[in-house]
Amino acid sequence: MEKERTNNNKEMLSDYAELAILYAQVFAGPPWNEFTRSINCDTFFGLETNVGDMCPNCGDLLEEAYPVENTISYIGKELSRPNAFLITRFEDENLVGFAWGFSYENPEKFLKEKYKTEEMRGLLSEVFRQEWLQGPFYYLSECGVKPEYRGRGLSNEVSGELVTMANQLKLPLIMRTNYQSPMVYVAQRFGMDQIMGPRDTEIINVLDLENTSRVLFLRKSQ
């Protein structure tokens, strides 16, 4: 398995087109089911739908969830953030895995960017206060492995490099994911504690009212 690491170096993956295509493929299936999207009602749908179908919620026509050009732009913005770090894995010159992260200067900026409602920002602000998370932290933003390469430990491998990055910066580490995602086991492997959302039959602290499947994990600085 070929390894590639880059710290905000766009030349390593040209215009990120290959990464954008894999990103869309990873999140199209379960548990995310983000294959198509209604822009009108801001809702994602899974592989049982097609581009051009009518949205069952609002009647709008469904579009690609992650068009290549838009996703390239998103990746570029993510990797221009402070301490941005991209890890990729290739096999036979084909991209099969990725992860990236960056640092936030404070929880307030994270909450403003990631949550739409003042209610959720307020609830999570209190959770962060209880966890003594007030200053900078590192954010494991995205991680994905091509479906046929899953089960080989690649998620652990690429995520582990971001854990190392957070350690080197002496920052806490935050990760947000779906409670059914394999990333839950990755978080547990690296000693991250769940601080929000569903776990088995209980709710840790608060439920994400914007997406009840989402969970947050925290690893305090080492």
C-alpha atoms as a PDB file:
ATOM      1  CA  MET A   1       0.000   0.000   0.000  1.00  0.00           C
ATOM      2  CA  GLU A   2       1.552   3.282  -1.097  1.00  0.00           C
ATOM      3  CA  LYS A   3       1.480   6.099   1.431  1.00  0.00           C
ATOM      4  CA  GLU A   4       1.300   9.806   0.794  1.00  0.00           C
ATOM      5  CA  ARG A   5       1.213  12.679   3.245  1.00  0.00           C
ATOM      6  CA  THR A   6       0.879  16.342   2.546  1.00  0.00           C
ATOM      7  CA  ASN A   7       0.546  19.427   4.670  1.00  0.00           C
ATOM      8  CA  ASN A   8      -1.437  21.901   2.577  1.00  0.00           C
ATOM      9  CA  ASN A   9       0.379  20.959  -0.655  1.00  0.00           C
ATOM     10  CA  LYS A  10      -2.036  21.031  -3.577  1.00  0.00           C
ATOM     11  CA  GLU A  11       0.550  19.673  -6.006  1.00  0.00           C
ATOM     12  CA  MET A  12       0.330  16.267  -4.350  1.00  0.00           C
ATOM     13  CA  LEU A  13      -3.187  15.621  -5.660  1.00  0.00           C
ATOM     14  CA  SER A  14      -3.346  18.202  -8.490  1.00  0.00           C
ATOM     15  CA  ASP A  15      -6.853  19.678  -8.353  1.00  0.00           C
ATOM     16  CA  TYR A  16      -8.223  17.074  -5.898  1.00  0.00           C
ATOM     17  CA  ALA A  17     -10.474  15.574  -8.569  1.00  0.00           C
ATOM     18  CA  GLU A  18      -9.648  11.967  -7.651  1.00  0.00           C
ATOM     19  CA  LEU A  19     -10.129  12.752  -3.977  1.00  0.00           C
ATOM     20  CA  ALA A  20     -13.471  14.444  -4.680  1.00  0.00           C
ATOM     21  CA  ILE A  21     -14.723  11.397  -6.609  1.00  0.00           C
ATOM     22  CA  LEU A  22     -13.742   9.024  -3.795  1.00  0.00           C
ATOM     23  CA  TYR A  23     -15.286  11.372  -1.218  1.00  0.00           C
ATOM     24  CA  ALA A  24     -18.653  11.192  -2.997  1.00  0.00           C
ATOM     25  CA  GLN A  25     -18.392   7.400  -3.292  1.00  0.00           C
ATOM     26  CA  VAL A  26     -17.592   6.950   0.407  1.00  0.00           C
ATOM     27  CA  PHE A  27     -20.518   9.005   1.678  1.00  0.00           C
ATOM     28  CA  ALA A  28     -23.092   7.732  -0.844  1.00  0.00           C
ATOM     29  CA  GLY A  29     -23.653   4.505   1.091  1.00  0.00           C
ATOM     30  CA  PRO A  30     -24.665   3.581   4.655  1.00  0.00           C
ATOM     31  CA  PRO A  31     -24.691   4.916   7.255  1.00  0.00           C
ATOM     32  CA  TRP A  32     -24.450   8.362   5.667  1.00  0.00           C
ATOM     33  CA  ASN A  33     -26.666   7.745   2.608  1.00  0.00           C
ATOM     34  CA  GLU A  34     -25.654  10.996   0.936  1.00  0.00           C
ATOM     35  CA  PHE A  35     -25.970  10.093  -2.743  1.00  0.00           C
ATOM     36  CA  THR A  36     -28.509  12.704  -3.857  1.00  0.00           C
ATOM     37  CA  ARG A  37     -29.710  15.914  -2.281  1.00  0.00           C
ATOM     38  CA  SER A  38     -32.605  18.318  -2.407  1.00  0.00           C
ATOM     39  CA  ILE A  39     -31.196  21.835  -2.268  1.00  0.00           C
ATOM     40  CA  ASN A  40     -34.657  23.226  -1.541  1.00  0.00           C
ATOM     41  CA  CYS A  41     -35.188  21.337   1.739  1.00  0.00           C
ATOM     42  CA  ASP A  42     -31.484  20.586   2.387  1.00  0.00           C
ATOM     43  CA  THR A  43     -32.054  16.824   2.715  1.00  0.00           C
ATOM     44  CA  PHE A  44     -29.831  13.934   1.605  1.00  0.00           C
ATOM     45  CA  PHE A  45     -31.000  10.604   0.169  1.00  0.00           C
ATOM     46  CA  GLY A  46     -29.239   7.278  -0.398  1.00  0.00           C
ATOM     47  CA  LEU A  47     -28.441   4.953  -3.275  1.00  0.00           C
ATOM     48  CA  GLU A  48     -32.083   4.018  -3.710  1.00  0.00           C
ATOM     49  CA  THR A  49     -32.581   7.388  -5.428  1.00  0.00           C
ATOM     50  CA  ASN A  50     -31.337   8.853  -8.700  1.00  0.00           C
ATOM     51  CA  VAL A  51     -30.381  12.329  -9.825  1.00  0.00           C
ATOM     52  CA  GLY A  52     -33.516  13.877 -11.301  1.00  0.00           C
ATOM     53  CA  ASP A  53     -35.949  12.005  -9.046  1.00  0.00           C
ATOM     54  CA  MET A  54     -38.541  14.064  -7.227  1.00  0.00           C
ATOM     55  CA  CYS A  55     -37.760  14.800  -3.577  1.00  0.00           C
ATOM     56  CA  PRO A  56     -40.359  13.028  -1.382  1.00  0.00           C
ATOM     57  CA  ASN A  57     -40.250  15.922   1.083  1.00  0.00           C
ATOM     58  CA  CYS A  58     -40.573  19.030  -1.063  1.00  0.00           C
ATOM     59  CA  GLY A  59     -41.078  17.881  -4.670  1.00  0.00           C
ATOM     60  CA  ASP A  60     -37.852  19.488  -5.857  1.00  0.00           C
ATOM     61  CA  LEU A  61     -35.626  17.554  -8.278  1.00  0.00           C
ATOM     62  CA  LEU A  62     -32.774  15.689  -6.608  1.00  0.00           C
ATOM     63  CA  GLU A  63     -29.212  16.652  -7.496  1.00  0.00           C
ATOM     64  CA  GLU A  64     -25.843  14.997  -6.913  1.00  0.00           C
ATOM     65  CA  ALA A  65     -24.982  15.172  -3.236  1.00  0.00           C
ATOM     66  CA  TYR A  66     -21.334  15.982  -3.936  1.00  0.00           C
ATOM     67  CA  PRO A  67     -20.654  17.254  -7.465  1.00  0.00           C
ATOM     68  CA  VAL A  68     -16.960  16.988  -8.288  1.00  0.00           C
ATOM     69  CA  GLU A  69     -16.355  20.699  -8.858  1.00  0.00           C
ATOM     70  CA  ASN A  70     -18.093  21.720  -5.624  1.00  0.00           C
ATOM     71  CA  THR A  71     -16.295  19.023  -3.655  1.00  0.00           C
ATOM     72  CA  ILE A  72     -12.917  20.089  -5.025  1.00  0.00           C
ATOM     73  CA  SER A  73     -13.667  23.610  -3.800  1.00  0.00           C
ATOM     74  CA  TYR A  74     -14.697  22.288  -0.378  1.00  0.00           C
ATOM     75  CA  ILE A  75     -11.504  20.237  -0.039  1.00  0.00           C
ATOM     76  CA  GLY A  76      -9.369  23.192  -1.064  1.00  0.00           C
ATOM     77  CA  LYS A  77     -10.964  25.400   1.581  1.00  0.00           C
ATOM     78  CA  GLU A  78     -10.561  22.745   4.257  1.00  0.00           C
ATOM     79  CA  LEU A  79      -6.875  22.292   3.448  1.00  0.00           C
ATOM     80  CA  SER A  80      -6.211  26.028   3.593  1.00  0.00           C
ATOM     81  CA  ARG A  81      -7.119  26.117   7.288  1.00  0.00           C
ATOM     82  CA  PRO A  82      -4.575  26.371  10.127  1.00  0.00           C
ATOM     83  CA  ASN A  83      -2.423  23.252  10.563  1.00  0.00           C
ATOM     84  CA  ALA A  84      -4.299  21.479   7.770  1.00  0.00           C
ATOM     85  CA  PHE A  85      -2.937  17.994   7.154  1.00  0.00           C
ATOM     86  CA  LEU A  86      -4.022  15.532   4.451  1.00  0.00           C
ATOM     87  CA  ILE A  87      -3.158  11.829   4.506  1.00  0.00           C
ATOM     88  CA  THR A  88      -3.829   9.594   1.511  1.00  0.00           C
ATOM     89  CA  ARG A  89      -3.345   5.942   0.643  1.00  0.00           C
ATOM     90  CA  PHE A  90      -2.904   4.508  -2.843  1.00  0.00           C
ATOM     91  CA  GLU A  91      -2.883   1.008  -4.292  1.00  0.00           C
ATOM     92  CA  ASP A  92      -1.758   0.437  -7.884  1.00  0.00           C
ATOM     93  CA  GLU A  93      -1.729   4.229  -8.266  1.00  0.00           C
ATOM     94  CA  ASN A  94      -5.419   4.439  -7.341  1.00  0.00           C
ATOM     95  CA  LEU A  95      -6.566   6.474  -4.346  1.00  0.00           C
ATOM     96  CA  VAL A  96      -8.224   4.143  -1.827  1.00  0.00           C
ATOM     97  CA  GLY A  97      -8.208   6.078   1.453  1.00  0.00           C
ATOM     98  CA  PHE A  98      -7.930   9.564   2.884  1.00  0.00           C
ATOM     99  CA  ALA A  99      -8.209  11.621   6.037  1.00  0.00           C
ATOM    100  CA  TRP A 100      -7.636  15.254   6.838  1.00  0.00           C
ATOM    101  CA  GLY A 101      -7.822  17.588   9.776  1.00  0.00           C
ATOM    102  CA  PHE A 102      -7.039  21.114  10.888  1.00  0.00           C
ATOM    103  CA  SER A 103      -7.167  23.254  14.003  1.00  0.00           C
ATOM    104  CA  TYR A 104      -9.873  25.542  15.332  1.00  0.00           C
ATOM    105  CA  GLU A 105      -8.896  28.509  17.451  1.00  0.00           C
ATOM    106  CA  ASN A 106     -11.837  28.024  19.812  1.00  0.00           C
ATOM    107  CA  PRO A 107     -15.113  26.082  20.243  1.00  0.00           C
ATOM    108  CA  GLU A 108     -17.208  29.139  19.362  1.00  0.00           C
ATOM    109  CA  LYS A 109     -15.905  29.208  15.795  1.00  0.00           C
ATOM    110  CA  PHE A 110     -16.523  25.463  15.423  1.00  0.00           C
ATOM    111  CA  LEU A 111     -20.093  25.758  16.695  1.00  0.00           C
ATOM    112  CA  LYS A 112     -20.858  28.702  14.411  1.00  0.00           C
ATOM    113  CA  GLU A 113     -19.629  26.799  11.353  1.00  0.00           C
ATOM    114  CA  LYS A 114     -21.012  23.349  12.096  1.00  0.00           C
ATOM    115  CA  TYR A 115     -24.401  24.037  13.677  1.00  0.00           C
ATOM    116  CA  LYS A 116     -27.267  26.036  12.210  1.00  0.00           C
ATOM    117  CA  THR A 117     -29.384  26.786  15.272  1.00  0.00           C
ATOM    118  CA  GLU A 118     -28.664  28.836  18.365  1.00  0.00           C
ATOM    119  CA  GLU A 119     -30.243  26.044  20.413  1.00  0.00           C
ATOM    120  CA  MET A 120     -27.608  23.478  19.385  1.00  0.00           C
ATOM    121  CA  ARG A 121     -24.788  25.984  19.712  1.00  0.00           C
ATOM    122  CA  GLY A 122     -25.918  26.735  23.238  1.00  0.00           C
ATOM    123  CA  LEU A 123     -26.299  23.081  24.232  1.00  0.00           C
ATOM    124  CA  LEU A 124     -22.874  22.120  22.916  1.00  0.00           C
ATOM    125  CA  SER A 125     -21.238  25.219  24.336  1.00  0.00           C
ATOM    126  CA  GLU A 126     -22.300  23.963  27.763  1.00  0.00           C
ATOM    127  CA  VAL A 127     -20.951  20.466  26.992  1.00  0.00           C
ATOM    128  CA  PHE A 128     -17.607  21.959  25.968  1.00  0.00           C
ATOM    129  CA  ARG A 129     -17.561  24.078  29.123  1.00  0.00           C
ATOM    130  CA  GLN A 130     -18.116  20.972  31.245  1.00  0.00           C
ATOM    131  CA  GLU A 131     -15.253  19.259  29.426  1.00  0.00           C
ATOM    132  CA  TRP A 132     -12.977  22.272  29.983  1.00  0.00           C
ATOM    133  CA  LEU A 133     -12.633  22.719  26.229  1.00  0.00           C
ATOM    134  CA  GLN A 134     -12.245  26.465  25.803  1.00  0.00           C
ATOM    135  CA  GLY A 135      -9.190  27.114  23.659  1.00  0.00           C
ATOM    136  CA  PRO A 136      -7.716  25.716  20.423  1.00  0.00           C
ATOM    137  CA  PHE A 137      -8.287  22.115  19.396  1.00  0.00           C
ATOM    138  CA  TYR A 138      -7.579  19.841  16.437  1.00  0.00           C
ATOM    139  CA  TYR A 139     -10.494  18.624  14.329  1.00  0.00           C
ATOM    140  CA  LEU A 140     -10.495  15.292  12.512  1.00  0.00           C
ATOM    141  CA  SER A 141     -12.690  16.587   9.718  1.00  0.00           C
ATOM    142  CA  GLU A 142     -13.010  13.788   7.163  1.00  0.00           C
ATOM    143  CA  CYS A 143     -11.949  10.174   6.743  1.00  0.00           C
ATOM    144  CA  GLY A 144     -12.946   7.637   4.115  1.00  0.00           C
ATOM    145  CA  VAL A 145     -11.905   4.325   2.586  1.00  0.00           C
ATOM    146  CA  LYS A 146     -13.027   2.897  -0.751  1.00  0.00           C
ATOM    147  CA  PRO A 147     -15.676   0.246   0.004  1.00  0.00           C
ATOM    148  CA  GLU A 148     -13.715  -2.730  -1.358  1.00  0.00           C
ATOM    149  CA  TYR A 149     -10.679  -1.795   0.773  1.00  0.00           C
ATOM    150  CA  ARG A 150     -12.514  -1.603   4.093  1.00  0.00           C
ATOM    151  CA  GLY A 151     -11.716  -4.035   6.880  1.00  0.00           C
ATOM    152  CA  ARG A 152      -7.952  -3.713   6.401  1.00  0.00           C
ATOM    153  CA  GLY A 153      -7.310  -1.138   9.124  1.00  0.00           C
ATOM    154  CA  LEU A 154      -6.894   1.801   6.755  1.00  0.00           C
ATOM    155  CA  SER A 155      -9.215   4.067   8.745  1.00  0.00           C
ATOM    156  CA  ASN A 156      -7.122   3.441  11.845  1.00  0.00           C
ATOM    157  CA  GLU A 157      -3.941   4.062   9.901  1.00  0.00           C
ATOM    158  CA  VAL A 158      -4.856   7.401   8.344  1.00  0.00           C
ATOM    159  CA  SER A 159      -6.712   8.647  11.434  1.00  0.00           C
ATOM    160  CA  GLY A 160      -3.751   7.711  13.592  1.00  0.00           C
ATOM    161  CA  GLU A 161      -1.578  10.202  11.751  1.00  0.00           C
ATOM    162  CA  LEU A 162      -4.029  12.968  12.640  1.00  0.00           C
ATOM    163  CA  VAL A 163      -3.982  11.850  16.273  1.00  0.00           C
ATOM    164  CA  THR A 164      -0.194  12.154  16.107  1.00  0.00           C
ATOM    165  CA  MET A 165      -0.555  15.626  14.587  1.00  0.00           C
ATOM    166  CA  ALA A 166      -2.815  16.712  17.448  1.00  0.00           C
ATOM    167  CA  ASN A 167      -0.297  15.316  19.949  1.00  0.00           C
ATOM    168  CA  GLN A 168       2.560  17.186  18.306  1.00  0.00           C
ATOM    169  CA  LEU A 169       0.563  20.404  18.527  1.00  0.00           C
ATOM    170  CA  LYS A 170      -0.404  19.532  22.137  1.00  0.00           C
ATOM    171  CA  LEU A 171      -4.071  20.097  21.306  1.00  0.00           C
ATOM    172  CA  PRO A 172      -7.270  18.253  22.221  1.00  0.00           C
ATOM    173  CA  LEU A 173      -8.837  16.323  19.344  1.00  0.00           C
ATOM    174  CA  ILE A 174     -12.501  16.502  18.288  1.00  0.00           C
ATOM    175  CA  MET A 175     -14.279  14.203  15.823  1.00  0.00           C
ATOM    176  CA  ARG A 176     -17.893  14.323  14.623  1.00  0.00           C
ATOM    177  CA  THR A 177     -19.416  11.296  12.925  1.00  0.00           C
ATOM    178  CA  ASN A 178     -22.505   9.107  12.555  1.00  0.00           C
ATOM    179  CA  TYR A 179     -23.190   6.806  15.520  1.00  0.00           C
ATOM    180  CA  GLN A 180     -23.307   3.821  13.102  1.00  0.00           C
ATOM    181  CA  SER A 181     -20.050   4.728  11.358  1.00  0.00           C
ATOM    182  CA  PRO A 182     -16.896   2.594  11.672  1.00  0.00           C
ATOM    183  CA  MET A 183     -15.252   5.825  12.839  1.00  0.00           C
ATOM    184  CA  VAL A 184     -16.853   5.240  16.237  1.00  0.00           C
ATOM    185  CA  TYR A 185     -14.491   2.276  16.697  1.00  0.00           C
ATOM    186  CA  VAL A 186     -11.585   4.348  15.402  1.00  0.00           C
ATOM    187  CA  ALA A 187     -12.359   7.005  18.014  1.00  0.00           C
ATOM    188  CA  GLN A 188     -12.479   4.397  20.762  1.00  0.00           C
ATOM    189  CA  ARG A 189      -9.217   2.862  19.573  1.00  0.00           C
ATOM    190  CA  PHE A 190      -7.432   6.176  20.039  1.00  0.00           C
ATOM    191  CA  GLY A 191      -8.863   6.872  23.461  1.00  0.00           C
ATOM    192  CA  MET A 192     -11.509   9.392  22.469  1.00  0.00           C
ATOM    193  CA  ASP A 193     -14.522   9.795  24.751  1.00  0.00           C
ATOM    194  CA  GLN A 194     -18.028  10.323  23.408  1.00  0.00           C
ATOM    195  CA  ILE A 195     -19.424  13.642  24.626  1.00  0.00           C
ATOM    196  CA  MET A 196     -22.631  13.929  22.577  1.00  0.00           C
ATOM    197  CA  GLY A 197     -25.321  11.803  20.974  1.00  0.00           C
ATOM    198  CA  PRO A 198     -26.684   8.238  21.044  1.00  0.00           C
ATOM    199  CA  ARG A 199     -24.729   5.285  22.422  1.00  0.00           C
ATOM    200  CA  ASP A 200     -26.472   1.938  22.733  1.00  0.00           C
ATOM    201  CA  THR A 201     -29.681   2.748  24.636  1.00  0.00           C
ATOM    202  CA  GLU A 202     -28.583   6.052  26.184  1.00  0.00           C
ATOM    203  CA  ILE A 203     -27.926   9.631  25.103  1.00  0.00           C
ATOM    204  CA  ILE A 204     -24.580  11.103  26.110  1.00  0.00           C
ATOM    205  CA  ASN A 205     -25.139  14.658  27.403  1.00  0.00           C
ATOM    206  CA  VAL A 206     -27.391  15.931  24.590  1.00  0.00           C
ATOM    207  CA  LEU A 207     -28.911  14.766  21.324  1.00  0.00           C
ATOM    208  CA  ASP A 208     -28.007  16.606  18.121  1.00  0.00           C
ATOM    209  CA  LEU A 209     -31.394  18.093  17.237  1.00  0.00           C
ATOM    210  CA  GLU A 210     -30.185  18.962  13.718  1.00  0.00           C
ATOM    211  CA  ASN A 211     -29.140  15.375  12.972  1.00  0.00           C
ATOM    212  CA  THR A 212     -30.024  12.822  15.630  1.00  0.00           C
ATOM    213  CA  SER A 213     -27.537  10.275  14.213  1.00  0.00           C
ATOM    214  CA  ARG A 214     -24.504  12.474  14.879  1.00  0.00           C
ATOM    215  CA  VAL A 215     -22.092  11.977  17.746  1.00  0.00           C
ATOM    216  CA  LEU A 216     -19.081  13.926  19.013  1.00  0.00           C
ATOM    217  CA  PHE A 217     -15.863  12.478  20.409  1.00  0.00           C
ATOM    218  CA  LEU A 218     -13.159  14.255  22.385  1.00  0.00           C
ATOM    219  CA  ARG A 219      -9.594  13.263  23.165  1.00  0.00           C
ATOM    220  CA  LYS A 220      -8.000  15.647  25.610  1.00  0.00           C
ATOM    221  CA  SER A 221      -4.471  16.836  24.928  1.00  0.00           C
ATOM    222  CA  GLN A 222      -1.800  14.310  25.832  1.00  0.00           C
END
